[in-house]
N, C-alpha and C. Protein backbone atom coordinates (compact mmCIF):
# COMPACT_ATOMS: atom_id res chain seq x y z
N MET A 1 -38.94 -13.67 -6.87
CA MET A 1 -38.81 -12.56 -5.94
C MET A 1 -37.91 -11.50 -6.54
N ARG A 2 -38.25 -10.30 -6.17
CA ARG A 2 -37.46 -9.17 -6.64
C ARG A 2 -37.16 -8.26 -5.46
N PHE A 3 -35.89 -7.86 -5.32
CA PHE A 3 -35.48 -6.95 -4.25
C PHE A 3 -35.25 -5.57 -4.84
N SER A 4 -35.64 -4.58 -4.10
CA SER A 4 -35.39 -3.21 -4.56
C SER A 4 -34.81 -2.39 -3.41
N GLY A 5 -34.33 -1.20 -3.76
CA GLY A 5 -33.78 -0.32 -2.74
C GLY A 5 -32.29 -0.48 -2.52
N PHE A 6 -31.65 -1.34 -3.31
CA PHE A 6 -30.22 -1.58 -3.12
C PHE A 6 -29.32 -0.71 -4.01
N GLU A 7 -29.93 0.08 -4.86
CA GLU A 7 -29.13 0.91 -5.77
C GLU A 7 -28.18 1.85 -5.04
N PRO A 8 -28.62 2.55 -3.99
CA PRO A 8 -27.67 3.43 -3.29
C PRO A 8 -26.49 2.66 -2.70
N ILE A 9 -26.74 1.46 -2.22
CA ILE A 9 -25.66 0.65 -1.65
C ILE A 9 -24.70 0.22 -2.75
N LYS A 10 -25.23 -0.22 -3.88
CA LYS A 10 -24.38 -0.62 -4.99
C LYS A 10 -23.54 0.55 -5.49
N THR A 11 -24.13 1.72 -5.57
CA THR A 11 -23.39 2.90 -6.01
C THR A 11 -22.29 3.25 -5.01
N ALA A 12 -22.60 3.19 -3.72
CA ALA A 12 -21.61 3.50 -2.69
C ALA A 12 -20.46 2.50 -2.74
N LEU A 13 -20.76 1.23 -2.94
CA LEU A 13 -19.71 0.21 -3.02
C LEU A 13 -18.81 0.44 -4.22
N LYS A 14 -19.39 0.86 -5.35
CA LYS A 14 -18.58 1.14 -6.52
C LYS A 14 -17.66 2.33 -6.29
N ASP A 15 -18.10 3.29 -5.46
CA ASP A 15 -17.31 4.50 -5.23
C ASP A 15 -16.21 4.32 -4.19
N ILE A 16 -16.25 3.23 -3.41
CA ILE A 16 -15.24 3.05 -2.36
C ILE A 16 -13.82 3.05 -2.91
N PRO A 17 -13.50 2.27 -3.96
CA PRO A 17 -12.11 2.31 -4.45
C PRO A 17 -11.69 3.71 -4.89
N LYS A 18 -12.59 4.47 -5.53
CA LYS A 18 -12.25 5.83 -5.95
C LYS A 18 -11.95 6.70 -4.74
N THR A 19 -12.76 6.58 -3.71
CA THR A 19 -12.57 7.37 -2.50
C THR A 19 -11.26 7.01 -1.83
N LEU A 20 -10.99 5.73 -1.71
CA LEU A 20 -9.74 5.30 -1.10
C LEU A 20 -8.55 5.82 -1.89
N ASP A 21 -8.62 5.71 -3.21
CA ASP A 21 -7.51 6.19 -4.03
C ASP A 21 -7.32 7.68 -3.88
N ALA A 22 -8.41 8.45 -3.94
CA ALA A 22 -8.31 9.90 -3.82
C ALA A 22 -7.81 10.31 -2.44
N ASN A 23 -8.35 9.70 -1.40
CA ASN A 23 -7.91 10.02 -0.05
C ASN A 23 -6.47 9.61 0.18
N GLY A 24 -6.10 8.44 -0.30
CA GLY A 24 -4.74 7.96 -0.15
C GLY A 24 -3.75 8.85 -0.89
N ARG A 25 -4.10 9.23 -2.13
CA ARG A 25 -3.22 10.12 -2.90
C ARG A 25 -3.07 11.47 -2.20
N ARG A 26 -4.16 11.99 -1.71
CA ARG A 26 -4.12 13.28 -1.01
C ARG A 26 -3.22 13.18 0.22
N ALA A 27 -3.37 12.11 0.98
CA ALA A 27 -2.55 11.93 2.18
C ALA A 27 -1.07 11.78 1.82
N LEU A 28 -0.78 11.02 0.76
CA LEU A 28 0.61 10.88 0.31
C LEU A 28 1.21 12.23 -0.09
N GLU A 29 0.43 13.02 -0.80
CA GLU A 29 0.90 14.33 -1.22
C GLU A 29 1.13 15.24 -0.01
N GLU A 30 0.26 15.16 0.98
CA GLU A 30 0.43 15.96 2.19
C GLU A 30 1.68 15.53 2.96
N VAL A 31 1.89 14.24 3.05
CA VAL A 31 3.09 13.73 3.72
C VAL A 31 4.33 14.17 2.95
N GLY A 32 4.30 14.06 1.64
CA GLY A 32 5.43 14.50 0.82
C GLY A 32 5.73 15.98 1.00
N GLN A 33 4.69 16.80 1.04
CA GLN A 33 4.88 18.24 1.23
C GLN A 33 5.47 18.53 2.60
N ASP A 34 4.99 17.86 3.62
CA ASP A 34 5.52 18.07 4.96
C ASP A 34 6.99 17.64 5.03
N LEU A 35 7.29 16.49 4.45
CA LEU A 35 8.68 16.01 4.46
C LEU A 35 9.58 16.99 3.72
N GLN A 36 9.13 17.47 2.58
CA GLN A 36 9.95 18.43 1.84
C GLN A 36 10.18 19.70 2.68
N ASN A 37 9.15 20.21 3.32
CA ASN A 37 9.30 21.40 4.16
C ASN A 37 10.32 21.17 5.27
N GLN A 38 10.24 20.02 5.92
CA GLN A 38 11.18 19.71 6.99
C GLN A 38 12.60 19.60 6.45
N ALA A 39 12.76 18.93 5.31
CA ALA A 39 14.08 18.72 4.73
C ALA A 39 14.70 20.04 4.25
N ILE A 40 13.89 20.91 3.70
CA ILE A 40 14.40 22.20 3.22
C ILE A 40 15.03 22.99 4.37
N PHE A 41 14.39 22.99 5.51
CA PHE A 41 14.92 23.75 6.64
C PHE A 41 16.17 23.12 7.25
N ARG A 42 16.39 21.84 6.96
CA ARG A 42 17.59 21.17 7.48
C ARG A 42 18.72 21.11 6.46
N ALA A 43 18.41 21.40 5.21
CA ALA A 43 19.44 21.36 4.17
C ALA A 43 20.44 22.48 4.41
N PRO A 44 21.73 22.18 4.26
CA PRO A 44 22.75 23.20 4.47
C PRO A 44 22.58 24.40 3.54
N LEU A 45 22.90 25.56 4.05
CA LEU A 45 22.81 26.81 3.27
C LEU A 45 24.15 27.18 2.63
N ASP A 46 25.19 26.53 3.03
CA ASP A 46 26.56 26.95 2.69
C ASP A 46 26.88 26.96 1.20
N LEU A 47 26.30 26.06 0.43
CA LEU A 47 26.77 25.87 -0.94
C LEU A 47 25.73 26.19 -2.01
N GLY A 48 25.14 27.33 -1.97
CA GLY A 48 24.28 27.75 -3.08
C GLY A 48 22.82 27.42 -2.92
N ALA A 49 22.25 26.85 -3.97
CA ALA A 49 20.79 26.76 -4.12
C ALA A 49 20.21 25.40 -3.74
N LEU A 50 20.82 24.70 -2.81
CA LEU A 50 20.32 23.37 -2.44
C LEU A 50 18.87 23.42 -1.98
N ARG A 51 18.57 24.32 -1.07
CA ARG A 51 17.20 24.40 -0.55
C ARG A 51 16.19 24.70 -1.65
N GLY A 52 16.55 25.53 -2.57
CA GLY A 52 15.64 25.89 -3.66
C GLY A 52 15.44 24.78 -4.68
N SER A 53 16.24 23.74 -4.61
CA SER A 53 16.11 22.66 -5.59
C SER A 53 15.23 21.52 -5.11
N GLY A 54 14.62 21.67 -3.93
CA GLY A 54 13.73 20.63 -3.42
C GLY A 54 12.52 20.45 -4.33
N TYR A 55 12.09 19.22 -4.48
CA TYR A 55 10.92 18.95 -5.33
C TYR A 55 10.11 17.79 -4.78
N ILE A 56 8.87 17.73 -5.24
CA ILE A 56 7.97 16.60 -4.95
C ILE A 56 7.42 16.13 -6.29
N GLU A 57 7.45 14.83 -6.50
CA GLU A 57 6.91 14.25 -7.72
C GLU A 57 5.86 13.21 -7.32
N THR A 58 4.66 13.39 -7.83
CA THR A 58 3.57 12.46 -7.52
C THR A 58 3.45 11.45 -8.65
N HIS A 59 3.51 10.18 -8.30
CA HIS A 59 3.36 9.08 -9.27
C HIS A 59 1.97 8.51 -9.07
N ARG A 60 1.02 9.00 -9.80
CA ARG A 60 -0.38 8.63 -9.59
C ARG A 60 -0.65 7.14 -9.83
N LEU A 61 -0.02 6.56 -10.81
CA LEU A 61 -0.29 5.15 -11.11
C LEU A 61 0.28 4.21 -10.07
N LYS A 62 1.33 4.63 -9.38
CA LYS A 62 1.97 3.77 -8.39
C LYS A 62 1.58 4.13 -6.96
N SER A 63 0.73 5.13 -6.76
CA SER A 63 0.41 5.62 -5.41
C SER A 63 1.69 5.86 -4.64
N MET A 64 2.52 6.73 -5.19
CA MET A 64 3.83 6.99 -4.60
C MET A 64 4.17 8.46 -4.79
N VAL A 65 4.90 9.00 -3.83
CA VAL A 65 5.39 10.37 -3.91
C VAL A 65 6.90 10.34 -3.71
N THR A 66 7.63 11.05 -4.57
CA THR A 66 9.08 11.16 -4.44
C THR A 66 9.41 12.56 -3.95
N VAL A 67 10.22 12.64 -2.92
CA VAL A 67 10.70 13.92 -2.40
C VAL A 67 12.21 13.91 -2.60
N GLY A 68 12.74 14.98 -3.16
CA GLY A 68 14.18 15.00 -3.40
C GLY A 68 14.70 16.41 -3.62
N PHE A 69 15.98 16.47 -3.98
CA PHE A 69 16.66 17.73 -4.27
C PHE A 69 17.39 17.56 -5.59
N ALA A 70 17.29 18.55 -6.47
CA ALA A 70 17.80 18.42 -7.82
C ALA A 70 19.24 18.87 -8.00
N GLU A 71 19.79 19.61 -7.09
CA GLU A 71 21.17 20.07 -7.24
C GLU A 71 22.12 18.87 -7.35
N ARG A 72 23.14 19.00 -8.21
CA ARG A 72 24.08 17.89 -8.44
C ARG A 72 24.76 17.43 -7.16
N TYR A 73 24.99 18.34 -6.24
CA TYR A 73 25.72 18.00 -5.02
C TYR A 73 24.81 17.58 -3.86
N ALA A 74 23.51 17.47 -4.10
CA ALA A 74 22.55 17.16 -3.04
C ALA A 74 22.85 15.84 -2.33
N LEU A 75 23.13 14.80 -3.10
CA LEU A 75 23.42 13.49 -2.50
C LEU A 75 24.69 13.54 -1.66
N ARG A 76 25.71 14.19 -2.19
CA ARG A 76 26.97 14.30 -1.45
C ARG A 76 26.74 15.04 -0.13
N MET A 77 25.98 16.12 -0.15
CA MET A 77 25.72 16.88 1.06
C MET A 77 24.89 16.06 2.05
N HIS A 78 23.98 15.26 1.53
CA HIS A 78 23.12 14.44 2.38
C HIS A 78 23.92 13.36 3.10
N GLU A 79 24.90 12.79 2.40
CA GLU A 79 25.63 11.63 2.92
C GLU A 79 26.94 11.96 3.62
N ASP A 80 27.46 13.16 3.46
CA ASP A 80 28.77 13.52 4.02
C ASP A 80 28.67 13.80 5.52
N MET A 81 28.92 12.78 6.32
CA MET A 81 28.80 12.90 7.78
C MET A 81 29.94 13.70 8.40
N GLU A 82 30.97 13.99 7.64
CA GLU A 82 32.10 14.77 8.16
C GLU A 82 31.94 16.26 7.89
N TYR A 83 30.98 16.63 7.06
CA TYR A 83 30.76 18.03 6.73
C TYR A 83 30.11 18.74 7.93
N THR A 84 30.64 19.89 8.27
CA THR A 84 30.07 20.70 9.35
C THR A 84 29.51 21.98 8.75
N PRO A 85 28.20 22.12 8.70
CA PRO A 85 27.61 23.31 8.09
C PRO A 85 27.77 24.55 8.99
N GLN A 86 27.67 25.71 8.37
CA GLN A 86 27.77 26.97 9.10
C GLN A 86 26.50 27.25 9.91
N GLU A 87 25.36 26.85 9.39
CA GLU A 87 24.06 27.14 10.02
C GLU A 87 23.69 26.03 11.01
N PRO A 88 23.51 26.35 12.29
CA PRO A 88 23.10 25.32 13.26
C PRO A 88 21.75 24.70 12.87
N GLY A 89 21.64 23.39 13.10
CA GLY A 89 20.40 22.68 12.79
C GLY A 89 20.32 22.15 11.38
N THR A 90 21.33 22.45 10.57
CA THR A 90 21.36 21.94 9.20
C THR A 90 22.50 20.93 9.10
N GLY A 91 22.54 20.20 8.00
CA GLY A 91 23.64 19.26 7.82
C GLY A 91 23.22 18.00 7.11
N PRO A 92 24.06 16.98 7.21
CA PRO A 92 23.79 15.72 6.51
C PRO A 92 22.50 15.06 7.00
N LYS A 93 22.02 14.18 6.18
CA LYS A 93 20.78 13.42 6.46
C LYS A 93 19.58 14.35 6.63
N TYR A 94 19.60 15.46 5.89
CA TYR A 94 18.52 16.45 5.98
C TYR A 94 17.19 15.93 5.45
N LEU A 95 17.21 14.87 4.71
CA LEU A 95 15.97 14.25 4.23
C LEU A 95 15.62 13.00 5.04
N THR A 96 16.61 12.17 5.30
CA THR A 96 16.39 10.95 6.06
C THR A 96 15.99 11.23 7.51
N GLY A 97 16.61 12.23 8.12
CA GLY A 97 16.32 12.57 9.53
C GLY A 97 14.85 12.85 9.77
N PRO A 98 14.27 13.83 9.05
CA PRO A 98 12.85 14.12 9.26
C PRO A 98 11.94 12.93 8.93
N LEU A 99 12.32 12.15 7.92
CA LEU A 99 11.50 10.98 7.56
C LEU A 99 11.45 9.99 8.71
N LYS A 100 12.60 9.70 9.30
CA LYS A 100 12.63 8.75 10.43
C LYS A 100 11.90 9.32 11.64
N GLU A 101 12.09 10.60 11.91
CA GLU A 101 11.45 11.22 13.08
C GLU A 101 9.93 11.26 12.96
N ARG A 102 9.43 11.40 11.74
CA ARG A 102 7.99 11.56 11.53
C ARG A 102 7.33 10.32 10.93
N GLU A 103 8.05 9.23 10.88
CA GLU A 103 7.54 8.02 10.24
C GLU A 103 6.20 7.57 10.80
N GLU A 104 6.07 7.51 12.11
CA GLU A 104 4.80 7.08 12.71
C GLU A 104 3.68 8.05 12.39
N ARG A 105 3.97 9.33 12.45
CA ARG A 105 2.97 10.36 12.14
C ARG A 105 2.50 10.22 10.70
N TYR A 106 3.44 10.01 9.78
CA TYR A 106 3.10 9.86 8.37
C TYR A 106 2.28 8.60 8.14
N HIS A 107 2.68 7.52 8.76
CA HIS A 107 1.95 6.26 8.63
C HIS A 107 0.51 6.44 9.12
N LYS A 108 0.34 7.06 10.25
CA LYS A 108 -1.00 7.28 10.82
C LYS A 108 -1.83 8.18 9.90
N HIS A 109 -1.22 9.21 9.36
CA HIS A 109 -1.94 10.14 8.49
C HIS A 109 -2.48 9.41 7.25
N ILE A 110 -1.65 8.59 6.65
CA ILE A 110 -2.08 7.85 5.45
C ILE A 110 -3.12 6.80 5.82
N THR A 111 -2.89 6.08 6.91
CA THR A 111 -3.83 5.06 7.35
C THR A 111 -5.19 5.67 7.67
N ASP A 112 -5.19 6.78 8.38
CA ASP A 112 -6.46 7.45 8.71
C ASP A 112 -7.18 7.92 7.45
N ALA A 113 -6.44 8.34 6.45
CA ALA A 113 -7.05 8.85 5.22
C ALA A 113 -7.75 7.75 4.43
N ILE A 114 -7.26 6.52 4.51
CA ILE A 114 -7.86 5.45 3.70
C ILE A 114 -8.78 4.54 4.50
N ARG A 115 -8.89 4.80 5.78
CA ARG A 115 -9.76 3.97 6.63
C ARG A 115 -11.22 4.19 6.24
N ILE A 116 -11.96 3.13 6.20
CA ILE A 116 -13.38 3.20 5.90
C ILE A 116 -14.14 3.34 7.20
N ASP A 117 -15.02 4.31 7.28
CA ASP A 117 -15.85 4.51 8.46
C ASP A 117 -16.91 3.41 8.47
N ARG A 118 -16.90 2.57 9.47
CA ARG A 118 -17.80 1.40 9.52
C ARG A 118 -18.97 1.59 10.46
N ARG A 119 -19.30 2.81 10.80
CA ARG A 119 -20.46 3.03 11.69
C ARG A 119 -21.75 2.71 11.02
């Protein structure tokens, strides 16, 4: 016996990992960009170029995105709970705060991006 007509299914199955990887990477990058935007607006303005030093690094092989700030004093500003910034709404934990607040939203965004439509 010989079966035919399965080539489109075989091709689609081979493409699933590529689609998941591409969709997952895109979602991670979108989450990273959103987190960076949120953190930039919360970073203190008082001490120079902190906001301008924000960056996103995509690690394609690890399916990971790093969001951070390059200024030497960024970590100190992030962790100094006694510092009172001049600008309301800014201050310590400018990166951790938005991450915790949006954690569920980010999780859902990534999960939705890699979900396979089973209809």
